[in-house]
Amino acid sequence: MTEIVLMSDPQVAAVPVEECGEPLVDVRRGTPLLVDERKGQDAGSAFAHLRSGVLDRLCTAQQALPPGLRLLFVEGYRPPALQRQYFDEYSGELRAEHPDWTAAQLHSAASRYVSPPDIAPHSAGAAVDLTLADDTGRELDLGTRMNATPEESAGACYTEADNITTEARAHRDILSTALATAGLVNYPTEWWHWSYGDRYWALATGAPAARYGAKELG
């Protein structure tokens, strides 16, 4: 993909899913990842789970980082019902700000920030929101807070945004290189969102099908 394709694009939904059956595993058990507990209050600690194949690739990416840097894991799996809640809430905010927009415009704009529930990589355990930290666990500057909306950040949440500092750009490049080399793909409107095995990954890499579909935890 040479231009930004949003999650709402029909191309993404058209990718078939050939579920491989990999389990959701807890990233806090026996891995080198730092885990941020800012979402630790969710039922069953769903946030700390990923498909095993995604976790393997994150561990590979951690090994590729320069000395003194760590991946800081913030959120992985998101139950389908919670994904729908997030999408509906953000769509509602946009609707209030842009009452003249059509339903299609709202759906597309919302998908810059929250994936439509029917194709969401997080609900397949295929996506991770993460950033960089140093060895002490201090979060590094990557230009915006994680989960900053396009409106809030004036577009600086876009991975290739040019309205960030040189230091933040360097950190984004380090993160991107390690994760891409390990086989994950980025959602270009969110520098922190990376995935493997989902429909968006399949479209970006030319894979014939996604490996993971939506899944319930437990």
N, C-alpha and C. Protein backbone atom coordinates (compact mmCIF):
# COMPACT_ATOMS: atom_id res chain seq x y z
N MET A 1 0.85 -1.19 0.00
CA MET A 1 0.00 0.00 0.00
C MET A 1 0.88 1.24 0.00
N THR A 2 0.74 2.12 -0.98
CA THR A 2 1.54 3.32 -1.07
C THR A 2 0.84 4.52 -0.46
N GLU A 3 -0.47 4.51 -0.33
CA GLU A 3 -1.22 5.57 0.32
C GLU A 3 -1.88 4.98 1.56
N ILE A 4 -2.33 5.87 2.44
CA ILE A 4 -2.97 5.39 3.66
C ILE A 4 -4.32 4.76 3.32
N VAL A 5 -4.47 3.52 3.65
CA VAL A 5 -5.74 2.82 3.52
C VAL A 5 -6.33 2.70 4.92
N LEU A 6 -7.51 3.24 5.12
CA LEU A 6 -8.14 3.20 6.43
C LEU A 6 -8.76 1.84 6.70
N MET A 7 -8.96 1.53 7.97
CA MET A 7 -9.57 0.26 8.35
C MET A 7 -10.97 0.10 7.77
N SER A 8 -11.63 1.23 7.51
CA SER A 8 -12.99 1.18 6.97
C SER A 8 -13.03 0.90 5.48
N ASP A 9 -11.89 0.87 4.81
CA ASP A 9 -11.85 0.66 3.37
C ASP A 9 -12.38 -0.73 3.02
N PRO A 10 -13.24 -0.86 2.02
CA PRO A 10 -13.78 -2.17 1.63
C PRO A 10 -12.70 -3.20 1.30
N GLN A 11 -11.51 -2.74 0.88
CA GLN A 11 -10.43 -3.68 0.60
C GLN A 11 -10.07 -4.50 1.82
N VAL A 12 -10.12 -3.87 2.99
CA VAL A 12 -9.74 -4.55 4.23
C VAL A 12 -10.79 -5.60 4.58
N ALA A 13 -12.05 -5.21 4.54
CA ALA A 13 -13.13 -6.15 4.87
C ALA A 13 -13.19 -7.31 3.89
N ALA A 14 -12.71 -7.09 2.66
CA ALA A 14 -12.78 -8.13 1.64
C ALA A 14 -11.73 -9.23 1.83
N VAL A 15 -10.73 -8.99 2.67
CA VAL A 15 -9.70 -10.01 2.89
C VAL A 15 -10.31 -11.18 3.65
N PRO A 16 -10.17 -12.40 3.15
CA PRO A 16 -10.74 -13.56 3.86
C PRO A 16 -9.92 -13.87 5.12
N VAL A 17 -10.56 -14.55 6.05
CA VAL A 17 -9.90 -15.00 7.27
C VAL A 17 -9.82 -16.51 7.27
N GLU A 18 -8.62 -17.04 7.41
CA GLU A 18 -8.42 -18.47 7.58
C GLU A 18 -7.85 -18.68 8.98
N GLU A 19 -8.75 -18.79 9.95
CA GLU A 19 -8.37 -18.85 11.35
C GLU A 19 -7.42 -20.02 11.62
N CYS A 20 -6.26 -19.71 12.21
CA CYS A 20 -5.25 -20.74 12.45
C CYS A 20 -5.37 -21.39 13.82
N GLY A 21 -6.18 -20.78 14.69
CA GLY A 21 -6.42 -21.40 16.00
C GLY A 21 -5.38 -21.14 17.06
N GLU A 22 -4.43 -20.23 16.79
CA GLU A 22 -3.44 -19.92 17.82
C GLU A 22 -4.11 -19.36 19.07
N PRO A 23 -3.63 -19.72 20.24
CA PRO A 23 -4.25 -19.24 21.48
C PRO A 23 -3.88 -17.79 21.79
N LEU A 24 -4.70 -17.18 22.63
CA LEU A 24 -4.34 -15.90 23.23
C LEU A 24 -3.50 -16.21 24.46
N VAL A 25 -2.36 -15.56 24.58
CA VAL A 25 -1.46 -15.81 25.70
C VAL A 25 -1.19 -14.51 26.45
N ASP A 26 -0.83 -14.63 27.72
CA ASP A 26 -0.58 -13.49 28.59
C ASP A 26 0.86 -13.02 28.39
N VAL A 27 1.04 -11.78 27.96
CA VAL A 27 2.38 -11.27 27.65
C VAL A 27 3.19 -11.00 28.91
N ARG A 28 2.58 -11.07 30.08
CA ARG A 28 3.29 -10.78 31.33
C ARG A 28 4.05 -11.99 31.85
N ARG A 29 3.87 -13.13 31.21
CA ARG A 29 4.46 -14.36 31.71
C ARG A 29 5.66 -14.79 30.87
N GLY A 30 6.84 -14.62 31.44
CA GLY A 30 8.05 -15.14 30.81
C GLY A 30 8.48 -14.46 29.54
N THR A 31 8.25 -13.16 29.42
CA THR A 31 8.68 -12.43 28.22
C THR A 31 9.54 -11.25 28.64
N PRO A 32 10.32 -10.71 27.70
CA PRO A 32 11.18 -9.56 28.03
C PRO A 32 10.47 -8.21 27.93
N LEU A 33 9.18 -8.21 27.68
CA LEU A 33 8.46 -6.95 27.47
C LEU A 33 8.17 -6.25 28.79
N LEU A 34 8.28 -4.93 28.78
CA LEU A 34 7.74 -4.12 29.86
C LEU A 34 6.24 -3.99 29.62
N VAL A 35 5.45 -4.14 30.67
CA VAL A 35 4.00 -4.03 30.52
C VAL A 35 3.49 -2.88 31.36
N ASP A 36 2.87 -1.92 30.69
CA ASP A 36 2.28 -0.77 31.34
C ASP A 36 0.91 -1.17 31.88
N GLU A 37 0.68 -0.91 33.14
CA GLU A 37 -0.57 -1.35 33.76
C GLU A 37 -1.69 -0.32 33.69
N ARG A 38 -1.57 0.66 32.78
CA ARG A 38 -2.61 1.70 32.75
C ARG A 38 -3.97 1.15 32.34
N LYS A 39 -4.01 -0.02 31.70
CA LYS A 39 -5.28 -0.65 31.36
C LYS A 39 -5.54 -1.90 32.20
N GLY A 40 -4.76 -2.06 33.27
CA GLY A 40 -4.83 -3.29 34.04
C GLY A 40 -6.13 -3.53 34.78
N GLN A 41 -7.04 -2.56 34.77
CA GLN A 41 -8.27 -2.71 35.52
C GLN A 41 -9.35 -3.45 34.73
N ASP A 42 -9.10 -3.80 33.46
CA ASP A 42 -10.17 -4.43 32.68
C ASP A 42 -10.38 -5.88 33.13
N ALA A 43 -11.58 -6.37 32.94
CA ALA A 43 -11.96 -7.69 33.43
C ALA A 43 -11.06 -8.76 32.84
N GLY A 44 -10.47 -9.58 33.72
CA GLY A 44 -9.65 -10.68 33.27
C GLY A 44 -8.33 -10.27 32.66
N SER A 45 -7.95 -8.99 32.83
CA SER A 45 -6.71 -8.47 32.22
C SER A 45 -6.64 -8.82 30.74
N ALA A 46 -7.73 -8.61 30.04
CA ALA A 46 -7.78 -8.90 28.61
C ALA A 46 -6.68 -8.15 27.86
N PHE A 47 -6.39 -6.93 28.31
CA PHE A 47 -5.44 -6.07 27.60
C PHE A 47 -4.07 -6.73 27.45
N ALA A 48 -3.71 -7.63 28.36
CA ALA A 48 -2.37 -8.21 28.39
C ALA A 48 -2.24 -9.47 27.54
N HIS A 49 -3.21 -9.75 26.70
CA HIS A 49 -3.18 -10.96 25.88
C HIS A 49 -2.95 -10.64 24.41
N LEU A 50 -2.28 -11.57 23.74
CA LEU A 50 -2.05 -11.51 22.30
C LEU A 50 -2.02 -12.93 21.76
N ARG A 51 -2.22 -13.08 20.46
CA ARG A 51 -1.97 -14.37 19.84
C ARG A 51 -0.49 -14.72 20.02
N SER A 52 -0.21 -15.99 20.18
CA SER A 52 1.16 -16.41 20.46
C SER A 52 2.14 -16.01 19.35
N GLY A 53 1.68 -16.04 18.10
CA GLY A 53 2.54 -15.66 16.99
C GLY A 53 2.90 -14.19 17.01
N VAL A 54 1.99 -13.34 17.48
CA VAL A 54 2.26 -11.91 17.59
C VAL A 54 3.28 -11.66 18.70
N LEU A 55 3.08 -12.34 19.83
CA LEU A 55 4.01 -12.19 20.94
C LEU A 55 5.42 -12.63 20.55
N ASP A 56 5.53 -13.72 19.82
CA ASP A 56 6.85 -14.18 19.37
C ASP A 56 7.56 -13.09 18.58
N ARG A 57 6.82 -12.40 17.73
CA ARG A 57 7.42 -11.36 16.90
C ARG A 57 7.78 -10.12 17.72
N LEU A 58 7.03 -9.83 18.76
CA LEU A 58 7.40 -8.72 19.64
C LEU A 58 8.70 -9.03 20.37
N CYS A 59 8.85 -10.27 20.79
CA CYS A 59 10.10 -10.66 21.47
C CYS A 59 11.28 -10.54 20.52
N THR A 60 11.08 -10.88 19.25
CA THR A 60 12.13 -10.70 18.25
C THR A 60 12.46 -9.23 18.07
N ALA A 61 11.43 -8.38 18.05
CA ALA A 61 11.64 -6.94 17.90
C ALA A 61 12.40 -6.38 19.09
N GLN A 62 12.09 -6.85 20.29
CA GLN A 62 12.81 -6.39 21.48
C GLN A 62 14.30 -6.66 21.34
N GLN A 63 14.66 -7.80 20.83
CA GLN A 63 16.06 -8.16 20.67
C GLN A 63 16.77 -7.27 19.65
N ALA A 64 16.00 -6.69 18.73
CA ALA A 64 16.58 -5.86 17.67
C ALA A 64 16.76 -4.40 18.08
N LEU A 65 16.24 -4.02 19.25
CA LEU A 65 16.36 -2.63 19.68
C LEU A 65 17.79 -2.33 20.13
N PRO A 66 18.20 -1.07 20.03
CA PRO A 66 19.51 -0.68 20.55
C PRO A 66 19.59 -0.93 22.05
N PRO A 67 20.80 -1.14 22.58
CA PRO A 67 20.96 -1.36 24.02
C PRO A 67 20.34 -0.22 24.82
N GLY A 68 19.70 -0.57 25.92
CA GLY A 68 19.11 0.43 26.80
C GLY A 68 17.69 0.80 26.48
N LEU A 69 17.11 0.23 25.42
CA LEU A 69 15.73 0.53 25.05
C LEU A 69 14.87 -0.71 25.22
N ARG A 70 13.62 -0.49 25.60
CA ARG A 70 12.67 -1.58 25.80
C ARG A 70 11.35 -1.26 25.11
N LEU A 71 10.68 -2.30 24.64
CA LEU A 71 9.30 -2.13 24.19
C LEU A 71 8.42 -1.99 25.43
N LEU A 72 7.56 -1.00 25.42
CA LEU A 72 6.61 -0.80 26.52
C LEU A 72 5.22 -1.15 25.99
N PHE A 73 4.72 -2.30 26.39
CA PHE A 73 3.44 -2.83 25.94
C PHE A 73 2.33 -2.15 26.72
N VAL A 74 1.33 -1.62 26.01
CA VAL A 74 0.22 -0.93 26.67
C VAL A 74 -1.11 -1.68 26.51
N GLU A 75 -1.41 -2.14 25.30
CA GLU A 75 -2.67 -2.87 25.12
C GLU A 75 -2.58 -3.83 23.94
N GLY A 76 -3.10 -5.03 24.14
CA GLY A 76 -3.16 -6.01 23.06
C GLY A 76 -4.61 -6.34 22.74
N TYR A 77 -5.06 -7.47 23.25
CA TYR A 77 -6.42 -7.93 22.95
C TYR A 77 -7.47 -7.00 23.53
N ARG A 78 -8.54 -6.83 22.76
CA ARG A 78 -9.68 -6.01 23.20
C ARG A 78 -10.96 -6.77 22.86
N PRO A 79 -11.77 -7.13 23.84
CA PRO A 79 -13.00 -7.89 23.55
C PRO A 79 -13.87 -7.16 22.52
N PRO A 80 -14.55 -7.92 21.65
CA PRO A 80 -15.38 -7.29 20.61
C PRO A 80 -16.39 -6.27 21.15
N ALA A 81 -17.00 -6.55 22.29
CA ALA A 81 -18.00 -5.62 22.83
C ALA A 81 -17.35 -4.30 23.22
N LEU A 82 -16.13 -4.35 23.77
CA LEU A 82 -15.43 -3.13 24.14
C LEU A 82 -15.00 -2.36 22.90
N GLN A 83 -14.59 -3.07 21.87
CA GLN A 83 -14.22 -2.42 20.61
C GLN A 83 -15.41 -1.65 20.04
N ARG A 84 -16.58 -2.26 20.07
CA ARG A 84 -17.78 -1.57 19.56
C ARG A 84 -18.08 -0.34 20.41
N GLN A 85 -17.92 -0.45 21.72
CA GLN A 85 -18.16 0.70 22.59
C GLN A 85 -17.24 1.86 22.22
N TYR A 86 -15.95 1.57 22.04
CA TYR A 86 -14.99 2.62 21.69
C TYR A 86 -15.34 3.25 20.35
N PHE A 87 -15.70 2.42 19.37
CA PHE A 87 -16.01 2.94 18.04
C PHE A 87 -17.26 3.82 18.09
N ASP A 88 -18.28 3.37 18.79
CA ASP A 88 -19.53 4.13 18.86
C ASP A 88 -19.32 5.46 19.60
N GLU A 89 -18.49 5.43 20.66
CA GLU A 89 -18.25 6.66 21.42
C GLU A 89 -17.52 7.70 20.57
N TYR A 90 -16.49 7.27 19.84
CA TYR A 90 -15.74 8.22 19.03
C TYR A 90 -16.58 8.70 17.84
N SER A 91 -17.38 7.81 17.26
CA SER A 91 -18.28 8.22 16.18
C SER A 91 -19.26 9.28 16.68
N GLY A 92 -19.73 9.10 17.91
CA GLY A 92 -20.65 10.08 18.49
C GLY A 92 -20.00 11.44 18.68
N GLU A 93 -18.73 11.46 19.09
CA GLU A 93 -18.01 12.72 19.24
C GLU A 93 -17.88 13.43 17.89
N LEU A 94 -17.54 12.65 16.87
CA LEU A 94 -17.40 13.24 15.54
C LEU A 94 -18.74 13.75 15.01
N ARG A 95 -19.79 13.01 15.29
CA ARG A 95 -21.12 13.41 14.83
C ARG A 95 -21.53 14.75 15.45
N ALA A 96 -21.19 14.93 16.73
CA ALA A 96 -21.53 16.18 17.41
C ALA A 96 -20.73 17.35 16.83
N GLU A 97 -19.49 17.09 16.42
CA GLU A 97 -18.64 18.14 15.87
C GLU A 97 -18.95 18.43 14.41
N HIS A 98 -19.47 17.43 13.70
CA HIS A 98 -19.72 17.56 12.26
C HIS A 98 -21.13 17.05 11.92
N PRO A 99 -22.15 17.77 12.33
CA PRO A 99 -23.52 17.31 12.11
C PRO A 99 -23.91 17.19 10.63
N ASP A 100 -23.11 17.81 9.75
CA ASP A 100 -23.41 17.75 8.32
C ASP A 100 -22.82 16.52 7.64
N TRP A 101 -21.98 15.78 8.33
CA TRP A 101 -21.35 14.61 7.72
C TRP A 101 -22.35 13.48 7.50
N THR A 102 -22.16 12.75 6.41
CA THR A 102 -22.98 11.57 6.15
C THR A 102 -22.51 10.41 7.03
N ALA A 103 -23.31 9.36 7.08
CA ALA A 103 -22.94 8.17 7.85
C ALA A 103 -21.63 7.58 7.33
N ALA A 104 -21.46 7.60 6.01
CA ALA A 104 -20.24 7.06 5.43
C ALA A 104 -19.02 7.90 5.82
N GLN A 105 -19.18 9.22 5.84
CA GLN A 105 -18.07 10.08 6.24
C GLN A 105 -17.70 9.85 7.70
N LEU A 106 -18.70 9.71 8.55
CA LEU A 106 -18.45 9.46 9.96
C LEU A 106 -17.72 8.13 10.17
N HIS A 107 -18.17 7.11 9.45
CA HIS A 107 -17.58 5.78 9.58
C HIS A 107 -16.11 5.81 9.17
N SER A 108 -15.82 6.49 8.08
CA SER A 108 -14.46 6.57 7.59
C SER A 108 -13.58 7.37 8.54
N ALA A 109 -14.07 8.52 8.99
CA ALA A 109 -13.28 9.36 9.88
C ALA A 109 -13.02 8.67 11.22
N ALA A 110 -14.03 7.98 11.72
CA ALA A 110 -13.85 7.28 13.00
C ALA A 110 -12.79 6.20 12.89
N SER A 111 -12.67 5.61 11.72
CA SER A 111 -11.74 4.49 11.56
C SER A 111 -10.28 4.93 11.52
N ARG A 112 -10.03 6.24 11.48
CA ARG A 112 -8.65 6.71 11.59
C ARG A 112 -8.10 6.43 12.99
N TYR A 113 -9.01 6.33 13.96
CA TYR A 113 -8.62 6.27 15.37
C TYR A 113 -9.10 4.99 16.07
N VAL A 114 -10.25 4.49 15.68
CA VAL A 114 -10.79 3.25 16.25
C VAL A 114 -11.25 2.36 15.10
N SER A 115 -10.78 1.14 15.06
CA SER A 115 -11.14 0.23 13.96
C SER A 115 -12.61 -0.15 14.04
N PRO A 116 -13.29 -0.25 12.90
CA PRO A 116 -14.67 -0.74 12.90
C PRO A 116 -14.71 -2.12 13.56
N PRO A 117 -15.71 -2.37 14.40
CA PRO A 117 -15.73 -3.61 15.20
C PRO A 117 -15.67 -4.89 14.39
N ASP A 118 -16.21 -4.89 13.18
CA ASP A 118 -16.27 -6.15 12.42
C ASP A 118 -14.92 -6.57 11.85
N ILE A 119 -13.94 -5.67 11.83
CA ILE A 119 -12.62 -6.06 11.29
C ILE A 119 -11.48 -5.69 12.24
N ALA A 120 -11.77 -5.31 13.46
CA ALA A 120 -10.76 -4.77 14.38
C ALA A 120 -9.65 -5.76 14.70
N PRO A 121 -8.39 -5.40 14.42
CA PRO A 121 -7.27 -6.29 14.76
C PRO A 121 -7.13 -6.58 16.25
N HIS A 122 -7.45 -5.60 17.10
CA HIS A 122 -7.34 -5.83 18.54
C HIS A 122 -8.25 -6.97 19.00
N SER A 123 -9.44 -7.06 18.41
CA SER A 123 -10.40 -8.09 18.83
C SER A 123 -10.03 -9.47 18.32
N ALA A 124 -9.03 -9.52 17.43
CA ALA A 124 -8.51 -10.80 16.97
C ALA A 124 -7.26 -11.20 17.75
N GLY A 125 -6.83 -10.34 18.68
CA GLY A 125 -5.58 -10.60 19.39
C GLY A 125 -4.37 -10.42 18.51
N ALA A 126 -4.54 -9.69 17.42
CA ALA A 126 -3.49 -9.53 16.41
C ALA A 126 -2.77 -8.21 16.49
N ALA A 127 -3.29 -7.26 17.27
CA ALA A 127 -2.74 -5.90 17.30
C ALA A 127 -2.24 -5.55 18.69
N VAL A 128 -1.25 -4.67 18.70
CA VAL A 128 -0.69 -4.20 19.96
C VAL A 128 -0.46 -2.70 19.89
N ASP A 129 -0.77 -2.03 20.98
CA ASP A 129 -0.43 -0.62 21.15
C ASP A 129 0.78 -0.57 22.06
N LEU A 130 1.85 0.06 21.60
CA LEU A 130 3.08 0.05 22.38
C LEU A 130 3.94 1.24 22.05
N THR A 131 4.96 1.46 22.89
CA THR A 131 5.87 2.56 22.69
C THR A 131 7.25 2.13 23.17
N LEU A 132 8.15 3.08 23.33
CA LEU A 132 9.51 2.79 23.78
C LEU A 132 9.73 3.34 25.17
N ALA A 133 10.58 2.65 25.93
CA ALA A 133 11.01 3.11 27.25
C ALA A 133 12.49 2.83 27.39
N ASP A 134 13.11 3.48 28.39
CA ASP A 134 14.50 3.16 28.68
C ASP A 134 14.56 2.03 29.71
N ASP A 135 15.76 1.67 30.13
CA ASP A 135 15.91 0.54 31.04
C ASP A 135 15.26 0.76 32.40
N THR A 136 15.01 2.01 32.75
CA THR A 136 14.37 2.30 34.03
C THR A 136 12.84 2.27 33.92
N GLY A 137 12.32 2.10 32.69
CA GLY A 137 10.88 2.09 32.48
C GLY A 137 10.33 3.46 32.13
N ARG A 138 11.20 4.46 31.98
CA ARG A 138 10.73 5.80 31.63
C ARG A 138 10.31 5.83 30.17
N GLU A 139 9.08 6.26 29.94
CA GLU A 139 8.54 6.32 28.58
C GLU A 139 9.23 7.42 27.79
N LEU A 140 9.63 7.13 26.57
CA LEU A 140 10.32 8.10 25.73
C LEU A 140 9.32 8.96 24.95
N ASP A 141 9.81 10.07 24.44
CA ASP A 141 8.99 10.99 23.66
C ASP A 141 8.89 10.50 22.22
N LEU A 142 7.66 10.17 21.78
CA LEU A 142 7.43 9.80 20.39
C LEU A 142 6.51 10.78 19.68
N GLY A 143 6.40 11.97 20.24
CA GLY A 143 5.71 13.05 19.54
C GLY A 143 4.33 13.39 20.04
N THR A 144 3.58 12.40 20.47
CA THR A 144 2.25 12.62 21.06
C THR A 144 2.07 11.61 22.18
N ARG A 145 1.06 11.84 22.99
CA ARG A 145 0.70 10.79 23.93
C ARG A 145 0.13 9.63 23.15
N MET A 146 0.22 8.45 23.70
CA MET A 146 -0.41 7.31 23.04
C MET A 146 -1.93 7.51 23.04
N ASN A 147 -2.56 7.12 21.94
CA ASN A 147 -4.01 7.24 21.75
C ASN A 147 -4.47 8.68 21.55
N ALA A 148 -3.57 9.58 21.17
CA ALA A 148 -3.98 10.93 20.81
C ALA A 148 -4.80 10.88 19.53
N THR A 149 -5.90 11.60 19.49
CA THR A 149 -6.73 11.62 18.29
C THR A 149 -6.11 12.54 17.25
N PRO A 150 -6.50 12.36 15.98
CA PRO A 150 -6.03 13.29 14.95
C PRO A 150 -6.39 14.74 15.25
N GLU A 151 -7.57 14.95 15.84
CA GLU A 151 -8.02 16.31 16.15
C GLU A 151 -7.16 16.90 17.26
N GLU A 152 -6.94 16.15 18.31
CA GLU A 152 -6.17 16.62 19.46
C GLU A 152 -4.72 16.93 19.09
N SER A 153 -4.13 16.10 18.23
CA SER A 153 -2.70 16.20 17.95
C SER A 153 -2.37 16.95 16.67
N ALA A 154 -3.39 17.51 16.01
CA ALA A 154 -3.19 18.19 14.72
C ALA A 154 -2.50 17.26 13.72
N GLY A 155 -2.87 15.98 13.79
CA GLY A 155 -2.33 15.00 12.87
C GLY A 155 -0.98 14.43 13.25
N ALA A 156 -0.40 14.86 14.37
CA ALA A 156 0.92 14.36 14.77
C ALA A 156 0.88 12.89 15.17
N CYS A 157 -0.32 12.34 15.39
CA CYS A 157 -0.44 10.92 15.70
C CYS A 157 -0.15 10.04 14.47
N TYR A 158 -0.23 10.62 13.27
CA TYR A 158 0.11 9.87 12.06
C TYR A 158 1.59 9.49 12.11
N THR A 159 1.90 8.27 11.77
CA THR A 159 3.26 7.77 11.93
C THR A 159 4.29 8.62 11.22
N GLU A 160 3.98 9.09 10.02
CA GLU A 160 4.94 9.88 9.24
C GLU A 160 4.71 11.38 9.36
N ALA A 161 4.03 11.82 10.40
CA ALA A 161 3.77 13.25 10.59
C ALA A 161 5.07 14.04 10.63
N ASP A 162 5.03 15.25 10.08
CA ASP A 162 6.23 16.08 10.08
C ASP A 162 6.20 17.17 11.15
N ASN A 163 5.14 17.22 11.96
CA ASN A 163 5.04 18.24 13.00
C ASN A 163 5.42 17.68 14.37
N ILE A 164 6.54 16.93 14.43
CA ILE A 164 7.08 16.42 15.68
C ILE A 164 8.56 16.76 15.74
N THR A 165 9.17 16.62 16.90
CA THR A 165 10.57 17.00 17.06
C THR A 165 11.50 15.96 16.40
N THR A 166 12.73 16.37 16.21
CA THR A 166 13.73 15.46 15.65
C THR A 166 13.93 14.25 16.55
N GLU A 167 13.92 14.48 17.86
CA GLU A 167 14.08 13.38 18.81
C GLU A 167 12.92 12.39 18.71
N ALA A 168 11.71 12.91 18.65
CA ALA A 168 10.54 12.04 18.54
C ALA A 168 10.58 11.25 17.24
N ARG A 169 11.00 11.89 16.16
CA ARG A 169 11.11 11.19 14.88
C ARG A 169 12.14 10.07 14.97
N ALA A 170 13.25 10.32 15.61
CA ALA A 170 14.27 9.28 15.76
C ALA A 170 13.72 8.09 16.56
N HIS A 171 12.96 8.37 17.61
CA HIS A 171 12.38 7.29 18.40
C HIS A 171 11.35 6.50 17.59
N ARG A 172 10.55 7.20 16.81
CA ARG A 172 9.57 6.49 15.97
C ARG A 172 10.28 5.60 14.95
N ASP A 173 11.37 6.10 14.40
CA ASP A 173 12.10 5.32 13.41
C ASP A 173 12.71 4.06 14.03
N ILE A 174 13.21 4.18 15.25
CA ILE A 174 13.76 3.01 15.94
C ILE A 174 12.67 1.98 16.19
N LEU A 175 11.53 2.44 16.69
CA LEU A 175 10.42 1.54 16.96
C LEU A 175 9.94 0.87 15.67
N SER A 176 9.77 1.65 14.62
CA SER A 176 9.27 1.13 13.36
C SER A 176 10.22 0.11 12.75
N THR A 177 11.50 0.39 12.78
CA THR A 177 12.47 -0.53 12.19
C THR A 177 12.44 -1.88 12.89
N ALA A 178 12.43 -1.87 14.21
CA ALA A 178 12.43 -3.12 14.97
C ALA A 178 11.16 -3.94 14.72
N LEU A 179 10.02 -3.29 14.72
CA LEU A 179 8.76 -4.00 14.56
C LEU A 179 8.55 -4.48 13.13
N ALA A 180 8.88 -3.64 12.17
CA ALA A 180 8.71 -4.04 10.76
C ALA A 180 9.64 -5.19 10.42
N THR A 181 10.86 -5.16 10.93
CA THR A 181 11.80 -6.23 10.67
C THR A 181 11.30 -7.56 11.25
N ALA A 182 10.55 -7.48 12.34
CA ALA A 182 9.99 -8.69 12.97
C ALA A 182 8.71 -9.16 12.29
N GLY A 183 8.23 -8.42 11.29
CA GLY A 183 7.08 -8.87 10.51
C GLY A 183 5.76 -8.21 10.82
N LEU A 184 5.75 -7.20 11.70
CA LEU A 184 4.50 -6.50 12.01
C LEU A 184 4.31 -5.32 11.05
N VAL A 185 3.07 -4.88 10.90
CA VAL A 185 2.77 -3.72 10.07
C VAL A 185 2.10 -2.65 10.93
N ASN A 186 2.30 -1.41 10.53
CA ASN A 186 1.77 -0.27 11.26
C ASN A 186 0.48 0.23 10.62
N TYR A 187 -0.43 0.72 11.46
CA TYR A 187 -1.59 1.46 10.95
C TYR A 187 -1.16 2.92 10.88
N PRO A 188 -1.04 3.49 9.69
CA PRO A 188 -0.34 4.77 9.51
C PRO A 188 -0.95 5.98 10.22
N THR A 189 -2.16 5.88 10.70
CA THR A 189 -2.75 7.01 11.43
C THR A 189 -2.43 6.96 12.92
N GLU A 190 -1.79 5.87 13.37
CA GLU A 190 -1.47 5.70 14.79
C GLU A 190 -0.05 5.12 14.91
N TRP A 191 0.90 5.93 15.31
CA TRP A 191 2.29 5.45 15.36
C TRP A 191 2.47 4.28 16.32
N TRP A 192 1.58 4.14 17.30
CA TRP A 192 1.71 3.13 18.35
C TRP A 192 1.05 1.79 18.00
N HIS A 193 0.28 1.73 16.93
CA HIS A 193 -0.52 0.54 16.61
C HIS A 193 0.18 -0.32 15.56
N TRP A 194 0.51 -1.57 15.95
CA TRP A 194 1.16 -2.52 15.07
C TRP A 194 0.44 -3.86 15.13
N SER A 195 0.47 -4.60 14.03
CA SER A 195 -0.27 -5.86 14.02
C SER A 195 0.40 -6.90 13.13
N TYR A 196 -0.03 -8.12 13.35
CA TYR A 196 0.42 -9.25 12.54
C TYR A 196 -0.73 -10.25 12.45
N GLY A 197 -0.97 -10.77 11.26
CA GLY A 197 -1.93 -11.85 11.09
C GLY A 197 -3.37 -11.46 10.89
N ASP A 198 -3.70 -10.17 10.96
CA ASP A 198 -5.07 -9.69 10.79
C ASP A 198 -5.31 -9.30 9.33
N ARG A 199 -6.50 -8.84 9.05
CA ARG A 199 -6.84 -8.46 7.67
C ARG A 199 -5.99 -7.30 7.16
N TYR A 200 -5.74 -6.32 8.02
CA TYR A 200 -4.95 -5.17 7.57
C TYR A 200 -3.52 -5.61 7.24
N TRP A 201 -2.97 -6.46 8.07
CA TRP A 201 -1.64 -7.02 7.81
C TRP A 201 -1.62 -7.77 6.48
N ALA A 202 -2.66 -8.58 6.23
CA ALA A 202 -2.72 -9.35 4.98
C ALA A 202 -2.76 -8.43 3.77
N LEU A 203 -3.55 -7.37 3.85
CA LEU A 203 -3.62 -6.44 2.72
C LEU A 203 -2.29 -5.74 2.52
N ALA A 204 -1.65 -5.34 3.60
CA ALA A 204 -0.39 -4.60 3.50
C ALA A 204 0.75 -5.46 2.96
N THR A 205 0.72 -6.75 3.28
CA THR A 205 1.84 -7.62 2.89
C THR A 205 1.55 -8.47 1.66
N GLY A 206 0.31 -8.47 1.20
CA GLY A 206 -0.06 -9.29 0.05
C GLY A 206 -0.36 -10.73 0.41
N ALA A 207 -0.53 -11.04 1.69
CA ALA A 207 -0.90 -12.40 2.10
C ALA A 207 -2.30 -12.72 1.57
N PRO A 208 -2.56 -13.96 1.19
CA PRO A 208 -3.86 -14.30 0.60
C PRO A 208 -5.02 -14.25 1.60
N ALA A 209 -4.72 -14.36 2.89
CA ALA A 209 -5.78 -14.37 3.90
C ALA A 209 -5.20 -13.95 5.25
N ALA A 210 -6.08 -13.50 6.13
CA ALA A 210 -5.69 -13.22 7.50
C ALA A 210 -5.59 -14.55 8.27
N ARG A 211 -4.70 -14.57 9.25
CA ARG A 211 -4.53 -15.76 10.08
C ARG A 211 -5.44 -15.77 11.29
N TYR A 212 -5.87 -14.58 11.71
CA TYR A 212 -6.64 -14.45 12.94
C TYR A 212 -7.94 -13.67 12.70
N GLY A 213 -9.03 -14.21 13.25
CA GLY A 213 -10.30 -13.50 13.24
C GLY A 213 -10.69 -13.12 14.65
N ALA A 214 -11.80 -12.40 14.79
CA ALA A 214 -12.27 -11.98 16.11
C ALA A 214 -12.43 -13.18 17.04
N LYS A 215 -12.12 -12.97 18.32
CA LYS A 215 -12.09 -14.08 19.26
C LYS A 215 -12.49 -13.59 20.65
N GLU A 216 -13.17 -14.42 21.39
CA GLU A 216 -13.49 -14.14 22.78
C GLU A 216 -12.39 -14.72 23.67
N LEU A 217 -12.08 -14.04 24.75
CA LEU A 217 -11.07 -14.50 25.69
C LEU A 217 -11.65 -15.58 26.58
N GLY A 218 -10.95 -16.70 26.69
CA GLY A 218 -11.39 -17.77 27.58
C GLY A 218 -12.36 -18.73 26.93
